[in-house]
Every structure is written in structure tokens, then in C-alpha cells.
C-alpha atoms as a PDB file:
ATOM      1  CA  UNK A   1      67.811 -75.949  44.465  1.00  0.00           C
ATOM      2  CA  UNK A   2      69.823 -78.970  45.482  1.00  0.00           C
ATOM      3  CA  UNK A   3      73.409 -79.833  44.710  1.00  0.00           C
ATOM      4  CA  UNK A   4      74.237 -82.127  41.799  1.00  0.00           C
ATOM      5  CA  UNK A   5      70.631 -82.219  40.527  1.00  0.00           C
ATOM      6  CA  UNK A   6      70.283 -80.738  37.070  1.00  0.00           C
ATOM      7  CA  UNK A   7      68.237 -77.566  36.762  1.00  0.00           C
ATOM      8  CA  UNK A   8      66.178 -79.213  34.019  1.00  0.00           C
ATOM      9  CA  UNK A   9      64.641 -81.559  36.616  1.00  0.00           C
ATOM     10  CA  UNK A  10      61.770 -79.606  38.099  1.00  0.00           C
ATOM     11  CA  UNK A  11      60.541 -80.287  41.617  1.00  0.00           C
ATOM     12  CA  UNK A  12      57.346 -81.728  40.079  1.00  0.00           C
ATOM     13  CA  UNK A  13      59.364 -84.163  37.983  1.00  0.00           C
ATOM     14  CA  UNK A  14      61.591 -85.226  40.883  1.00  0.00           C
ATOM     15  CA  UNK A  15      58.548 -85.819  43.094  1.00  0.00           C
ATOM     16  CA  UNK A  16      56.871 -87.742  40.289  1.00  0.00           C
ATOM     17  CA  UNK A  17      59.878 -90.035  39.843  1.00  0.00           C
ATOM     18  CA  UNK A  18      60.105 -90.523  43.619  1.00  0.00           C
ATOM     19  CA  UNK A  19      56.400 -91.427  43.808  1.00  0.00           C
ATOM     20  CA  UNK A  20      56.593 -93.928  40.951  1.00  0.00           C
ATOM     21  CA  UNK A  21      56.805 -97.598  41.805  1.00  0.00           C
ATOM     22  CA  UNK A  22      58.326-100.616  40.134  1.00  0.00           C
ATOM     23  CA  UNK A  23      57.007-101.082  36.572  1.00  0.00           C
ATOM     24  CA  UNK A  24      55.443 -97.609  36.408  1.00  0.00           C
ATOM     25  CA  UNK A  25      56.047 -95.865  33.093  1.00  0.00           C
ATOM     26  CA  UNK A  26      57.393 -92.382  32.422  1.00  0.00           C
ATOM     27  CA  UNK A  27      56.961 -90.936  28.934  1.00  0.00           C
ATOM     28  CA  UNK A  28      59.289 -88.163  27.824  1.00  0.00           C
ATOM     29  CA  UNK A  29      57.508 -86.503  24.939  1.00  0.00           C
ATOM     30  CA  UNK A  30      58.603 -84.181  22.193  1.00  0.00           C
ATOM     31  CA  UNK A  31      56.941 -80.842  21.501  1.00  0.00           C
ATOM     32  CA  UNK A  32      54.646 -82.305  18.835  1.00  0.00           C
ATOM     33  CA  UNK A  33      53.186 -85.051  21.013  1.00  0.00           C
ATOM     34  CA  UNK A  34      49.533 -84.500  22.092  1.00  0.00           C
ATOM     35  CA  UNK A  35      50.482 -84.915  25.757  1.00  0.00           C
ATOM     36  CA  UNK A  36      47.529 -83.057  27.284  1.00  0.00           C
ATOM     37  CA  UNK A  37      45.113 -85.379  25.485  1.00  0.00           C
ATOM     38  CA  UNK A  38      46.846 -88.562  26.709  1.00  0.00           C
ATOM     39  CA  UNK A  39      48.340 -87.802  30.139  1.00  0.00           C
ATOM     40  CA  UNK A  40      47.047 -88.793  33.560  1.00  0.00           C
ATOM     41  CA  UNK A  41      49.746 -86.506  34.919  1.00  0.00           C
ATOM     42  CA  UNK A  42      51.408 -83.910  32.713  1.00  0.00           C
ATOM     43  CA  UNK A  43      54.645 -82.140  33.529  1.00  0.00           C
ATOM     44  CA  UNK A  44      55.719 -79.432  31.098  1.00  0.00           C
ATOM     45  CA  UNK A  45      59.399 -78.526  30.845  1.00  0.00           C
ATOM     46  CA  UNK A  46      59.634 -75.544  28.494  1.00  0.00           C
ATOM     47  CA  UNK A  47      63.120 -74.972  27.128  1.00  0.00           C
ATOM     48  CA  UNK A  48      64.287 -78.510  27.977  1.00  0.00           C
ATOM     49  CA  UNK A  49      65.436 -80.930  25.275  1.00  0.00           C
ATOM     50  CA  UNK A  50      64.967 -84.681  25.681  1.00  0.00           C
ATOM     51  CA  UNK A  51      68.676 -85.664  25.500  1.00  0.00           C
ATOM     52  CA  UNK A  52      69.488 -83.118  28.217  1.00  0.00           C
ATOM     53  CA  UNK A  53      66.650 -84.443  30.370  1.00  0.00           C
ATOM     54  CA  UNK A  54      67.596 -88.092  29.828  1.00  0.00           C
ATOM     55  CA  UNK A  55      71.147 -87.368  30.868  1.00  0.00           C
ATOM     56  CA  UNK A  56      69.846 -85.635  33.988  1.00  0.00           C
ATOM     57  CA  UNK A  57      67.367 -88.301  35.133  1.00  0.00           C
ATOM     58  CA  UNK A  58      69.078 -91.568  34.172  1.00  0.00           C
ATOM     59  CA  UNK A  59      71.513 -91.484  37.120  1.00  0.00           C
ATOM     60  CA  UNK A  60      68.460 -91.543  39.426  1.00  0.00           C
ATOM     61  CA  UNK A  61      66.059 -93.686  37.407  1.00  0.00           C
ATOM     62  CA  UNK A  62      66.530 -97.477  37.479  1.00  0.00           C
ATOM     63  CA  UNK A  63      65.232 -99.348  34.445  1.00  0.00           C
ATOM     64  CA  UNK A  64      62.982-102.361  34.935  1.00  0.00           C
ATOM     65  CA  UNK A  65      65.064-105.536  34.740  1.00  0.00           C
ATOM     66  CA  UNK A  66      61.972-107.785  34.864  1.00  0.00           C
ATOM     67  CA  UNK A  67      60.972-107.010  31.281  1.00  0.00           C
ATOM     68  CA  UNK A  68      63.069-107.646  28.165  1.00  0.00           C
ATOM     69  CA  UNK A  69      62.837-104.071  26.845  1.00  0.00           C
ATOM     70  CA  UNK A  70      62.144-101.377  29.468  1.00  0.00           C
ATOM     71  CA  UNK A  71      62.695 -98.559  26.959  1.00  0.00           C
ATOM     72  CA  UNK A  72      60.331 -97.988  24.041  1.00  0.00           C
ATOM     73  CA  UNK A  73      60.106 -95.666  21.050  1.00  0.00           C
ATOM     74  CA  UNK A  74      57.417 -94.778  18.530  1.00  0.00           C
ATOM     75  CA  UNK A  75      58.136 -96.664  15.308  1.00  0.00           C
ATOM     76  CA  UNK A  76      58.872 -94.465  12.315  1.00  0.00           C
ATOM     77  CA  UNK A  77      57.386 -95.189   8.912  1.00  0.00           C
ATOM     78  CA  UNK A  78      59.405 -97.644   6.782  1.00  0.00           C
ATOM     79  CA  UNK A  79      60.046 -95.054   4.086  1.00  0.00           C
ATOM     80  CA  UNK A  80      61.476 -92.570   6.598  1.00  0.00           C
ATOM     81  CA  UNK A  81      65.108 -92.547   7.727  1.00  0.00           C
ATOM     82  CA  UNK A  82      65.929 -93.775  11.222  1.00  0.00           C
ATOM     83  CA  UNK A  83      65.797 -90.738  13.520  1.00  0.00           C
ATOM     84  CA  UNK A  84      69.278 -89.582  14.507  1.00  0.00           C
ATOM     85  CA  UNK A  85      68.096 -88.748  18.018  1.00  0.00           C
ATOM     86  CA  UNK A  86      67.728 -92.483  18.712  1.00  0.00           C
ATOM     87  CA  UNK A  87      71.527 -92.861  18.518  1.00  0.00           C
ATOM     88  CA  UNK A  88      71.845 -90.180  21.194  1.00  0.00           C
ATOM     89  CA  UNK A  89      69.347 -92.014  23.394  1.00  0.00           C
ATOM     90  CA  UNK A  90      71.195 -95.303  22.911  1.00  0.00           C
ATOM     91  CA  UNK A  91      74.525 -93.743  23.931  1.00  0.00           C
ATOM     92  CA  UNK A  92      73.013 -92.158  27.039  1.00  0.00           C
ATOM     93  CA  UNK A  93      71.250 -95.366  28.059  1.00  0.00           C
ATOM     94  CA  UNK A  94      74.418 -97.416  27.610  1.00  0.00           C
ATOM     95  CA  UNK A  95      76.382 -94.845  29.616  1.00  0.00           C
ATOM     96  CA  UNK A  96      74.008 -94.620  32.593  1.00  0.00           C
ATOM     97  CA  UNK A  97      72.503 -98.117  32.715  1.00  0.00           C
ATOM     98  CA  UNK A  98      75.287 -99.603  34.802  1.00  0.00           C
ATOM     99  CA  UNK A  99      73.355-102.848  35.407  1.00  0.00           C
ATOM    100  CA  UNK A 100      73.087-103.638  31.691  1.00  0.00           C
ATOM    101  CA  UNK A 101      69.297-103.679  31.730  1.00  0.00           C
ATOM    102  CA  UNK A 102      68.987-101.771  28.445  1.00  0.00           C
ATOM    103  CA  UNK A 103      69.750-103.941  25.419  1.00  0.00           C
ATOM    104  CA  UNK A 104      67.605-102.431  22.692  1.00  0.00           C
ATOM    105  CA  UNK A 105      64.476-100.390  22.150  1.00  0.00           C
ATOM    106  CA  UNK A 106      61.000-101.838  21.991  1.00  0.00           C
ATOM    107  CA  UNK A 107      59.313-100.334  18.955  1.00  0.00           C
ATOM    108  CA  UNK A 108      55.633 -99.400  19.139  1.00  0.00           C
ATOM    109  CA  UNK A 109      53.560 -98.589  16.067  1.00  0.00           C
ATOM    110  CA  UNK A 110      52.345 -94.972  16.103  1.00  0.00           C
ATOM    111  CA  UNK A 111      48.646 -95.497  16.886  1.00  0.00           C
ATOM    112  CA  UNK A 112      49.433 -98.231  19.423  1.00  0.00           C
ATOM    113  CA  UNK A 113      51.919 -95.835  21.027  1.00  0.00           C
ATOM    114  CA  UNK A 114      49.193 -93.248  21.661  1.00  0.00           C
ATOM    115  CA  UNK A 115      46.988 -95.895  23.245  1.00  0.00           C
ATOM    116  CA  UNK A 116      49.768 -97.405  25.356  1.00  0.00           C
ATOM    117  CA  UNK A 117      50.993 -94.138  26.860  1.00  0.00           C
ATOM    118  CA  UNK A 118      47.547 -93.349  28.227  1.00  0.00           C
ATOM    119  CA  UNK A 119      48.313 -95.794  31.054  1.00  0.00           C
ATOM    120  CA  UNK A 120      51.671 -94.155  31.804  1.00  0.00           C
ATOM    121  CA  UNK A 121      52.224 -92.796  35.289  1.00  0.00           C
ATOM    122  CA  UNK A 122      53.186 -89.432  33.791  1.00  0.00           C
ATOM    123  CA  UNK A 123      54.082 -87.691  30.565  1.00  0.00           C
ATOM    124  CA  UNK A 124      56.804 -85.067  30.526  1.00  0.00           C
ATOM    125  CA  UNK A 125      56.465 -82.620  27.631  1.00  0.00           C
ATOM    126  CA  UNK A 126      59.705 -81.075  26.380  1.00  0.00           C
ATOM    127  CA  UNK A 127      60.490 -78.625  23.591  1.00  0.00           C
ATOM    128  CA  UNK A 128      62.357 -81.151  21.449  1.00  0.00           C
ATOM    129  CA  UNK A 129      61.154 -80.814  17.872  1.00  0.00           C
ATOM    130  CA  UNK A 130      62.870 -83.873  16.371  1.00  0.00           C
ATOM    131  CA  UNK A 131      60.506 -86.364  14.746  1.00  0.00           C
ATOM    132  CA  UNK A 132      59.876 -89.599  16.637  1.00  0.00           C
ATOM    133  CA  UNK A 133      61.692 -88.290  19.694  1.00  0.00           C
ATOM    134  CA  UNK A 134      59.197 -89.649  22.258  1.00  0.00           C
ATOM    135  CA  UNK A 135      60.720 -92.184  24.641  1.00  0.00           C
ATOM    136  CA  UNK A 136      59.118 -94.471  27.226  1.00  0.00           C
ATOM    137  CA  UNK A 137      61.001 -95.560  30.366  1.00  0.00           C
ATOM    138  CA  UNK A 138      59.695 -98.354  32.583  1.00  0.00           C
ATOM    139  CA  UNK A 139      60.933 -97.971  36.138  1.00  0.00           C
ATOM    140  CA  UNK A 140      62.696-100.750  37.974  1.00  0.00           C
ATOM    141  CA  UNK A 141      63.868-101.227  41.539  1.00  0.00           C
ATOM    142  CA  UNK A 142      66.986 -99.908  43.216  1.00  0.00           C
END
């Protein structure tokens, strides 16, 4: 254990984030996401919820300022309500993105999302069961 690092950040996840380079992508997936089928690297965090994990990693994880939208979500169906968890993500991103890199989410249609995340550096599987809770973070430079 290290001081000031949240217990929800495993050593595998911290190493993964340290090994990632500029423009590499980290996917934080909900419990329903077929992560094992799509991941090059899979880190499982049983008992960890995505908002808790976002709050823990965002102080260490710079967002890519070279792209207009370094944070992406899976688009919900038009007839479905906007997922409430997205408001939580927005608040956390605004709180921890001190450089103002985050402006809004890039929305990715469901099937395109599955295809796009296959090139991600890693997928982190959580136990969050909210619908459309998957979030993609593109890493920037310090």
C-alpha cells in the first residue's frame, strides 16, 4: 500500500496507467460489458464502482488535449432516458480536469463502441451495473 492512493486502484491498474503513453486509451467498463472478448489487457476490479474508480484515477490521469473529446461514452438508444451516471462522470471530470481539457463526451454508437474499444490499451472491468456506464479515457501528457 502507498499513501494517498485509493485502495480501489490495484497495482495492476497503476502499472497499466504508468505504462500507457500519450493517446493510449483506457476503457472503464461496467459489469455487463463483454470485456474478456474485447480486451488486449483486462484488469478486473471486483467490488469497485466506476464513479469511485474515476475519482481515484483522475488526479493521476491527464486527458489528451490534442483531440477535441478525449472522453467517450456508449450512446444510449433514443427512446431510453439519458443515464444518470453520466451526470456523475461529468461532475468528476469537471472537478479533476484542472486544465479544462474535458468539454463534453464523444458519443459512440453501441456496435461501433465494441469495435473501437478493441484497440484500447486496456479495459478495466468493474461491478457497476448501471446501463451505459462504460467510459473511455484517452491519455494525454503531463
